[in-house]
Protein backbone atom coordinates (compact mmCIF):
# COMPACT_ATOMS: atom_id res chain seq x y z
CA UNK A 1 119.69 116.73 99.74
CA UNK A 2 120.66 113.13 99.05
CA UNK A 3 123.95 111.30 99.29
CA UNK A 4 124.58 111.82 95.57
CA UNK A 5 122.49 114.77 94.40
CA UNK A 6 120.90 117.95 95.69
CA UNK A 7 117.56 118.61 93.97
CA UNK A 8 115.50 121.80 94.11
CA UNK A 9 112.06 122.57 92.69
CA UNK A 10 110.30 125.92 92.67
CA UNK A 11 106.52 125.57 92.83
CA UNK A 12 104.06 128.32 91.97
CA UNK A 13 100.64 128.35 93.65
CA UNK A 14 97.43 129.63 92.08
CA UNK A 15 95.28 130.84 95.03
CA UNK A 16 92.04 130.74 93.04
CA UNK A 17 92.58 127.13 91.91
CA UNK A 18 93.58 126.10 95.43
CA UNK A 19 90.38 127.67 96.76
CA UNK A 20 88.27 125.78 94.21
CA UNK A 21 89.93 122.45 95.10
CA UNK A 22 89.48 123.15 98.82
CA UNK A 23 85.75 123.69 98.23
CA UNK A 24 85.48 120.47 96.23
CA UNK A 25 84.88 122.33 92.96
CA UNK A 26 88.15 121.15 91.40
CA UNK A 27 88.63 117.49 90.50
CA UNK A 28 92.38 117.61 91.05
CA UNK A 29 93.49 118.78 94.50
CA UNK A 30 96.89 119.72 93.06
CA UNK A 31 95.61 121.74 90.10
CA UNK A 32 96.58 124.93 91.90
CA UNK A 33 100.28 124.01 91.96
CA UNK A 34 102.79 124.07 89.12
CA UNK A 35 106.53 123.43 89.05
CA UNK A 36 108.19 126.36 87.29
CA UNK A 37 111.87 125.77 88.08
CA UNK A 38 114.20 122.81 88.64
CA UNK A 39 117.86 122.46 89.49
CA UNK A 40 120.25 119.78 90.71
CA UNK A 41 123.90 119.43 91.60
CA UNK A 42 126.26 116.75 92.88
CA UNK A 43 126.11 116.62 96.67
CA UNK A 44 128.94 117.71 98.95
CA UNK A 45 129.26 117.28 102.70
CA UNK A 46 126.65 114.51 102.85
CA UNK A 47 127.28 110.98 104.14
CA UNK A 48 126.09 107.73 102.61
CA UNK A 49 123.09 107.80 104.97
CA UNK A 50 121.98 111.16 103.56
CA UNK A 51 122.96 113.06 106.71
CA UNK A 52 124.82 116.36 106.32
CA UNK A 53 128.20 116.28 108.10
CA UNK A 54 129.64 119.47 106.55
CA UNK A 55 127.07 122.25 106.38
CA UNK A 56 129.31 124.57 104.36
CA UNK A 57 130.04 121.88 101.77
CA UNK A 58 126.36 120.95 101.58
CA UNK A 59 125.46 124.61 101.18
CA UNK A 60 127.85 124.93 98.24
CA UNK A 61 126.10 122.10 96.39
CA UNK A 62 122.64 123.28 97.40
CA UNK A 63 123.45 126.80 96.25
CA UNK A 64 124.29 125.53 92.75
CA UNK A 65 121.00 123.62 92.57
CA UNK A 66 119.07 126.66 93.82
CA UNK A 67 120.73 128.95 91.27
CA UNK A 68 119.83 126.57 88.44
CA UNK A 69 116.23 126.35 89.62
CA UNK A 70 115.94 130.12 90.00
CA UNK A 71 117.36 130.68 86.54
CA UNK A 72 114.84 128.30 84.94
CA UNK A 73 111.93 129.81 86.92
CA UNK A 74 112.92 133.45 86.58
CA UNK A 75 112.21 133.81 90.30
CA UNK A 76 114.09 134.07 93.59
CA UNK A 77 113.35 131.91 96.62
CA UNK A 78 113.78 132.88 100.26
CA UNK A 79 111.89 130.07 102.02
CA UNK A 80 111.66 126.35 101.39
CA UNK A 81 110.52 122.92 102.53
CA UNK A 82 113.13 120.24 103.28
CA UNK A 83 113.13 116.53 102.47
CA UNK A 84 114.88 114.60 105.25
CA UNK A 85 116.56 111.25 104.65
CA UNK A 86 117.16 108.48 107.16
CA UNK A 87 114.60 106.36 108.98
CA UNK A 88 111.25 108.00 109.67
CA UNK A 89 109.67 106.56 112.81
CA UNK A 90 105.93 106.37 113.39
CA UNK A 91 104.62 106.58 116.95
CA UNK A 92 100.97 105.61 117.60
CA UNK A 93 98.64 107.49 119.95
CA UNK A 94 94.94 107.30 120.76
CA UNK A 95 92.35 109.17 122.81
CA UNK A 96 88.63 108.95 123.69
CA UNK A 97 86.46 111.84 124.82
CA UNK A 98 82.84 112.29 125.83
CA UNK A 99 80.53 113.99 123.37
CA UNK A 100 77.84 116.54 124.09
CA UNK A 101 74.44 116.68 122.50
CA UNK A 102 74.14 116.93 118.77
CA UNK A 103 76.22 115.49 115.93
CA UNK A 104 80.01 115.36 115.89
CA UNK A 105 81.46 118.55 114.44
CA UNK A 106 84.85 119.91 113.44
CA UNK A 107 85.50 121.18 116.96
CA UNK A 108 84.89 117.71 118.45
CA UNK A 109 87.19 116.19 115.85
CA UNK A 110 89.96 118.68 116.62
CA UNK A 111 89.64 118.09 120.40
CA UNK A 112 89.91 114.32 119.98
CA UNK A 113 92.96 114.57 117.71
CA UNK A 114 94.75 117.08 119.94
CA UNK A 115 94.08 114.82 122.96
CA UNK A 116 96.15 112.02 121.41
CA UNK A 117 99.50 111.79 123.16
CA UNK A 118 102.18 109.32 122.00
CA UNK A 119 105.08 108.17 124.13
CA UNK A 120 107.58 110.99 124.75
CA UNK A 121 109.80 111.55 121.72
CA UNK A 122 113.51 110.88 122.41
CA UNK A 123 115.64 114.01 122.35
CA UNK A 124 117.43 112.65 119.29
CA UNK A 125 114.18 112.67 117.29
CA UNK A 126 112.21 115.60 115.85
CA UNK A 127 108.40 115.31 115.36
CA UNK A 128 107.62 116.76 111.92
CA UNK A 129 104.17 115.42 111.04
CA UNK A 130 101.04 113.82 112.47
CA UNK A 131 97.90 112.39 110.87
CA UNK A 132 94.77 110.42 111.82
CA UNK A 133 94.51 106.72 110.99
CA UNK A 134 91.11 105.88 112.47
CA UNK A 135 88.00 107.09 114.28
CA UNK A 136 85.17 105.43 116.19
CA UNK A 137 81.86 106.60 117.61
CA UNK A 138 80.71 104.53 120.59
CA UNK A 139 83.22 101.88 119.58
CA UNK A 140 82.04 101.61 115.95
CA UNK A 141 84.81 102.38 113.44
CA UNK A 142 83.99 105.11 110.93
CA UNK A 143 86.03 106.81 108.24
CA UNK A 144 84.68 110.29 109.08
CA UNK A 145 82.76 110.77 112.35
CA UNK A 146 81.39 114.22 111.52
CA UNK A 147 77.61 114.33 111.44
CA UNK A 148 77.21 111.21 113.58
CA UNK A 149 75.75 111.16 117.09
CA UNK A 150 76.91 109.24 120.12
CA UNK A 151 78.39 109.44 123.61
CA UNK A 152 82.09 108.75 122.94
CA UNK A 153 84.44 109.76 120.14
CA UNK A 154 87.73 107.89 119.74
CA UNK A 155 90.66 108.86 117.52
CA UNK A 156 93.97 107.23 116.64
CA UNK A 157 96.93 109.05 115.09
CA UNK A 158 100.54 108.50 114.04
CA UNK A 159 103.30 111.00 114.80
CA UNK A 160 106.23 111.00 112.38
CA UNK A 161 109.71 111.87 113.61
CA UNK A 162 113.13 112.11 111.97
CA UNK A 163 116.67 112.36 113.28
CA UNK A 164 117.03 115.79 114.92
CA UNK A 165 120.73 116.21 114.09
CA UNK A 166 120.17 115.37 110.41
CA UNK A 167 117.32 117.87 110.15
CA UNK A 168 119.29 120.56 111.98
CA UNK A 169 122.35 120.21 109.75
CA UNK A 170 120.24 120.30 106.60
CA UNK A 171 118.43 123.40 107.85
CA UNK A 172 121.78 125.07 108.57
CA UNK A 173 122.96 124.34 105.02
CA UNK A 174 119.76 125.89 103.63
CA UNK A 175 120.21 129.02 105.74
CA UNK A 176 123.77 129.40 104.49
CA UNK A 177 122.21 129.63 101.02
CA UNK A 178 119.86 132.39 102.15
CA UNK A 179 116.83 130.08 102.29
CA UNK A 180 114.83 129.85 105.52
CA UNK A 181 113.41 126.34 106.16
CA UNK A 182 109.68 126.48 106.92
CA UNK A 183 108.89 122.78 107.14
CA UNK A 184 110.09 119.25 106.46
CA UNK A 185 108.91 115.78 105.43
CA UNK A 186 110.54 112.35 105.38
CA UNK A 187 111.95 111.77 101.89
CA UNK A 188 110.44 108.30 101.33
CA UNK A 189 107.00 109.61 102.27
CA UNK A 190 107.39 112.66 100.02
CA UNK A 191 108.45 110.51 97.07
CA UNK A 192 105.39 108.32 97.50
CA UNK A 193 103.07 111.34 97.46
CA UNK A 194 104.52 112.49 94.15
CA UNK A 195 104.81 109.11 92.36
CA UNK A 196 101.84 107.00 93.46
CA UNK A 197 98.40 107.43 91.90
CA UNK A 198 95.37 108.42 93.97
CA UNK A 199 94.07 104.84 93.86
CA UNK A 200 97.44 103.44 94.93
CA UNK A 201 97.70 105.86 97.85
CA UNK A 202 94.17 105.01 98.94
CA UNK A 203 94.05 101.24 98.40
CA UNK A 204 97.64 100.49 99.41
CA UNK A 205 101.02 100.65 97.70
CA UNK A 206 104.73 101.09 98.36
CA UNK A 207 107.33 103.51 97.07
CA UNK A 208 111.04 102.75 96.96
CA UNK A 209 113.15 105.90 96.61
CA UNK A 210 116.52 104.59 95.46
CA UNK A 211 119.18 107.18 96.18
CA UNK A 212 122.94 107.16 96.18
CA UNK A 213 123.39 105.96 99.76
CA UNK A 214 120.16 104.16 100.62
CA UNK A 215 116.74 102.95 99.55
CA UNK A 216 113.91 104.74 101.37
CA UNK A 217 110.81 102.53 101.49
CA UNK A 218 107.38 103.88 102.39
CA UNK A 219 104.08 101.99 102.58
CA UNK A 220 100.77 103.84 102.12
CA UNK A 221 97.07 103.15 102.57
CA UNK A 222 94.12 105.47 102.97
CA UNK A 223 96.33 108.25 101.64
CA UNK A 224 98.55 108.02 104.74
CA UNK A 225 101.98 106.63 105.58
CA UNK A 226 101.68 103.23 107.27
CA UNK A 227 105.27 102.10 107.58
CA UNK A 228 108.79 103.21 106.64
CA UNK A 229 112.11 101.40 106.30
CA UNK A 230 115.60 102.27 105.07
CA UNK A 231 118.08 99.91 103.45
CA UNK A 232 121.54 101.55 103.86
CA UNK A 233 122.73 100.59 100.38
CA UNK A 234 122.12 102.58 97.23
CA UNK A 235 123.29 103.55 93.80
CA UNK A 236 126.73 104.72 94.93
CA UNK A 237 127.55 101.19 96.04
CA UNK A 238 126.93 100.06 92.47
CA UNK A 239 129.01 102.94 91.11
CA UNK A 240 131.99 102.04 93.29
CA UNK A 241 131.70 98.38 92.21
CA UNK A 242 131.79 99.46 88.56
CA UNK A 243 134.70 101.84 89.14
CA UNK A 244 136.72 99.10 90.85
CA UNK A 245 135.95 96.47 88.22
CA UNK A 246 136.78 98.69 85.23
CA UNK A 247 139.46 100.90 86.78
CA UNK A 248 137.62 104.12 85.91
CA UNK A 249 136.71 107.24 87.88
CA UNK A 250 133.46 107.72 89.79
CA UNK A 251 131.79 109.97 87.19
CA UNK A 252 132.59 107.59 84.33
CA UNK A 253 131.35 104.64 86.38
CA UNK A 254 128.15 106.58 87.12
CA UNK A 255 127.58 107.14 83.41
CA UNK A 256 128.28 103.51 82.52
CA UNK A 257 125.92 102.07 85.13
CA UNK A 258 123.03 104.14 83.73
CA UNK A 259 123.73 103.64 80.03
CA UNK A 260 124.67 99.96 80.35
CA UNK A 261 127.88 100.65 78.50
CA UNK A 262 126.10 101.69 75.31
CA UNK A 263 128.72 102.16 72.60
CA UNK A 264 131.46 100.64 74.78
CA UNK A 265 133.56 97.57 74.03
CA UNK A 266 131.92 94.14 74.53
CA UNK A 267 134.24 93.44 77.47
CA UNK A 268 132.99 96.57 79.24
CA UNK A 269 129.35 95.62 78.75
CA UNK A 270 129.90 92.07 79.97
CA UNK A 271 131.73 93.39 83.04
CA UNK A 272 128.84 95.71 83.82
CA UNK A 273 126.37 92.82 83.62
CA UNK A 274 128.57 90.70 85.88
CA UNK A 275 129.07 93.42 88.49
CA UNK A 276 125.81 95.38 88.65
CA UNK A 277 123.09 92.72 88.91
CA UNK A 278 124.48 90.86 91.96
CA UNK A 279 124.72 94.11 93.92
CA UNK A 280 121.16 95.08 92.97
CA UNK A 281 119.89 91.64 93.95
CA UNK A 282 121.60 92.01 97.32
CA UNK A 283 120.04 95.43 97.93
CA UNK A 284 116.47 94.39 97.20
CA UNK A 285 116.76 91.11 99.07
CA UNK A 286 117.99 92.94 102.17
CA UNK A 287 115.20 95.50 101.79
CA UNK A 288 112.64 92.69 101.59
CA UNK A 289 114.00 91.21 104.82
CA UNK A 290 113.66 94.60 106.55
CA UNK A 291 110.11 95.08 105.32
CA UNK A 292 109.06 91.59 106.42
CA UNK A 293 110.80 91.73 109.82
CA UNK A 294 108.34 91.10 112.63
CA UNK A 295 105.41 90.91 110.23
CA UNK A 296 104.83 94.66 110.54
CA UNK A 297 103.99 95.22 106.88
CA UNK A 298 101.70 92.19 106.75
CA UNK A 299 99.93 93.43 109.88
CA UNK A 300 99.16 96.72 108.14
CA UNK A 301 98.29 95.36 104.70
CA UNK A 302 96.98 91.90 105.49
CA UNK A 303 97.79 88.64 103.72
CA UNK A 304 98.06 90.27 100.29
CA UNK A 305 100.89 92.62 101.32
CA UNK A 306 103.20 90.95 98.80
CA UNK A 307 100.90 91.81 95.88
CA UNK A 308 100.76 95.56 96.39
CA UNK A 309 101.97 97.85 93.58
CA UNK A 310 105.42 99.37 94.05
CA UNK A 311 106.85 102.51 92.45
CA UNK A 312 110.64 102.45 92.11
CA UNK A 313 111.94 106.00 91.89
CA UNK A 314 114.93 108.19 92.81
CA UNK A 315 118.05 108.93 90.80
CA UNK A 316 119.53 105.44 91.22
CA UNK A 317 116.36 103.79 89.87
CA UNK A 318 117.80 104.55 86.44
CA UNK A 319 120.64 102.10 87.06
CA UNK A 320 120.95 99.41 84.41
CA UNK A 321 118.77 96.44 85.43
CA UNK A 322 117.31 98.05 88.57
CA UNK A 323 113.68 97.49 87.59
CA UNK A 324 114.32 93.86 86.62
CA UNK A 325 116.16 93.18 89.88
CA UNK A 326 113.33 94.70 91.92
CA UNK A 327 110.74 92.63 90.06
CA UNK A 328 112.75 89.46 90.66
CA UNK A 329 112.42 90.03 94.42
CA UNK A 330 109.07 91.83 94.82
CA UNK A 331 107.11 90.57 91.82
CA UNK A 332 105.78 91.96 88.53
CA UNK A 333 103.83 94.87 90.04
CA UNK A 334 107.01 96.95 90.42
CA UNK A 335 107.12 99.87 87.99
CA UNK A 336 109.38 102.85 87.45
CA UNK A 337 108.00 105.89 89.25
CA UNK A 338 108.21 109.51 88.17
CA UNK A 339 106.61 112.57 89.79
CA UNK A 340 103.03 112.88 88.57
CA UNK A 341 102.05 115.71 90.93
CA UNK A 342 102.21 118.64 90.90
CA UNK A 343 102.18 119.41 87.17
CA UNK A 344 105.44 120.71 85.78
CA UNK A 345 106.39 123.36 83.28
CA UNK A 346 110.10 123.03 84.07
CA UNK A 347 112.37 120.97 81.87
CA UNK A 348 113.56 117.76 83.53
CA UNK A 349 111.43 118.21 86.66
CA UNK A 350 109.59 114.93 86.05
CA UNK A 351 112.84 112.93 86.36
CA UNK A 352 112.94 110.36 89.20
CA UNK A 353 115.65 112.30 91.06
CA UNK A 354 113.06 115.03 91.77
CA UNK A 355 110.48 112.68 93.33
CA UNK A 356 111.04 113.71 96.95
CA UNK A 357 111.19 117.44 96.12
CA UNK A 358 107.93 117.23 94.17
CA UNK A 359 106.25 115.41 97.05
CA UNK A 360 106.99 118.28 99.43
CA UNK A 361 104.50 120.47 97.58
CA UNK A 362 101.82 117.77 97.80
CA UNK A 363 102.57 117.35 101.51
CA UNK A 364 102.19 121.10 102.14
CA UNK A 365 98.58 121.11 100.94
CA UNK A 366 97.52 118.96 103.90
CA UNK A 367 98.21 121.83 106.29
CA UNK A 368 95.24 123.75 104.85
CA UNK A 369 92.88 121.06 106.13
CA UNK A 370 94.62 119.65 109.22
CA UNK A 371 94.51 122.72 111.47
CA UNK A 372 94.95 120.57 114.59
CA UNK A 373 98.46 119.41 113.62
CA UNK A 374 100.27 122.62 114.59
CA UNK A 375 99.08 122.71 118.24
CA UNK A 376 99.77 119.00 118.64
CA UNK A 377 103.33 119.23 117.29
CA UNK A 378 103.95 122.32 119.39
CA UNK A 379 102.90 120.43 122.53
CA UNK A 380 105.15 117.50 121.64
CA UNK A 381 108.25 119.59 120.88
CA UNK A 382 107.68 123.28 121.64
CA UNK A 383 111.35 124.11 121.02
CA UNK A 384 111.09 123.17 117.35
CA UNK A 385 109.67 124.99 114.37
CA UNK A 386 107.30 122.19 113.32
CA UNK A 387 104.14 123.93 114.53
CA UNK A 388 105.25 127.24 113.00
CA UNK A 389 105.78 125.42 109.70
CA UNK A 390 102.15 124.33 109.57
CA UNK A 391 101.04 127.88 110.38
CA UNK A 392 103.20 129.14 107.51
CA UNK A 393 101.74 126.57 105.09
CA UNK A 394 98.21 127.53 106.11
CA UNK A 395 98.85 131.23 105.51
CA UNK A 396 100.77 130.86 102.24
CA UNK A 397 99.10 127.93 100.49
């Protein structure tokens, strides 16, 4: 549910294919998932920051998107995963425990991960995810400690949290549509999972989800989220600039900014060029400042952080000149990103506006492997449904 559009995907799971991928007999982990329905509608009751301020209005828009998706899939939905906008915060935590005799096993790994305890989460934040970022056996860093022997096992994790009020309002809107929320992920992270290749996720890359009210930036390495930022300017800012410059309504301005004024009078096209590019330049320059603040991104990526590939996605990425403006600030390795996982049989589901929704399905698969996440999240925020969400994913995926 973004500032401009509500997007819904219905994903069908093939249990047999999921079982094969879980056993390593399937090359593609996501081969057991397929998008069978897609729907979108103009958002209502959502602020520029992507936060729902009117649950009933948001539910009206979400209901239209759900109905369209159900019609294209020929199926009804009663439960769903939510993509949450706003700034996702990552809290580090680490723990070390003594090992018994014999090699490190799954039980040792789970104990070490569950022993990690970050700083208490503020009451305004909701923990929704956790993942390991490093292990060590007797002080020696290893990618996977299982099978190794030693005296001490160390683990380091990151706990992801989002704004509690934003998540609660979005969940209320979903329930008003008859859909029970069973989990959530930060939208920038979800978009990266759907748009970045396996090599990019592993070796290091960024995803910029350009929505109506903001740009959600997420940095990945080792298949995990390293850092997240939000620039509170998006495609709607460009639309309003166009509407003011040409004296047209919002919907016409939205059309013109994406088509570049194709078929319009020369004066209209020249006005679009004069108005759109400066605003885009401003957005990406401000985003670059946020990403570079305090050297946090360079600390994670090293000296070559500026040369990492970037996928530009989201509905506003289709704005005239957006790719060129992003390349002018971040370099030539910026490309347009579209959902590449899971596979889709639904018309239009590979459009950039569905990037975050597609990533939710990819995110859900992790719950099958990371059985320790539920107990950890439950201990961090037992009043929330985060732990129950992972239990649901494990049973149903």
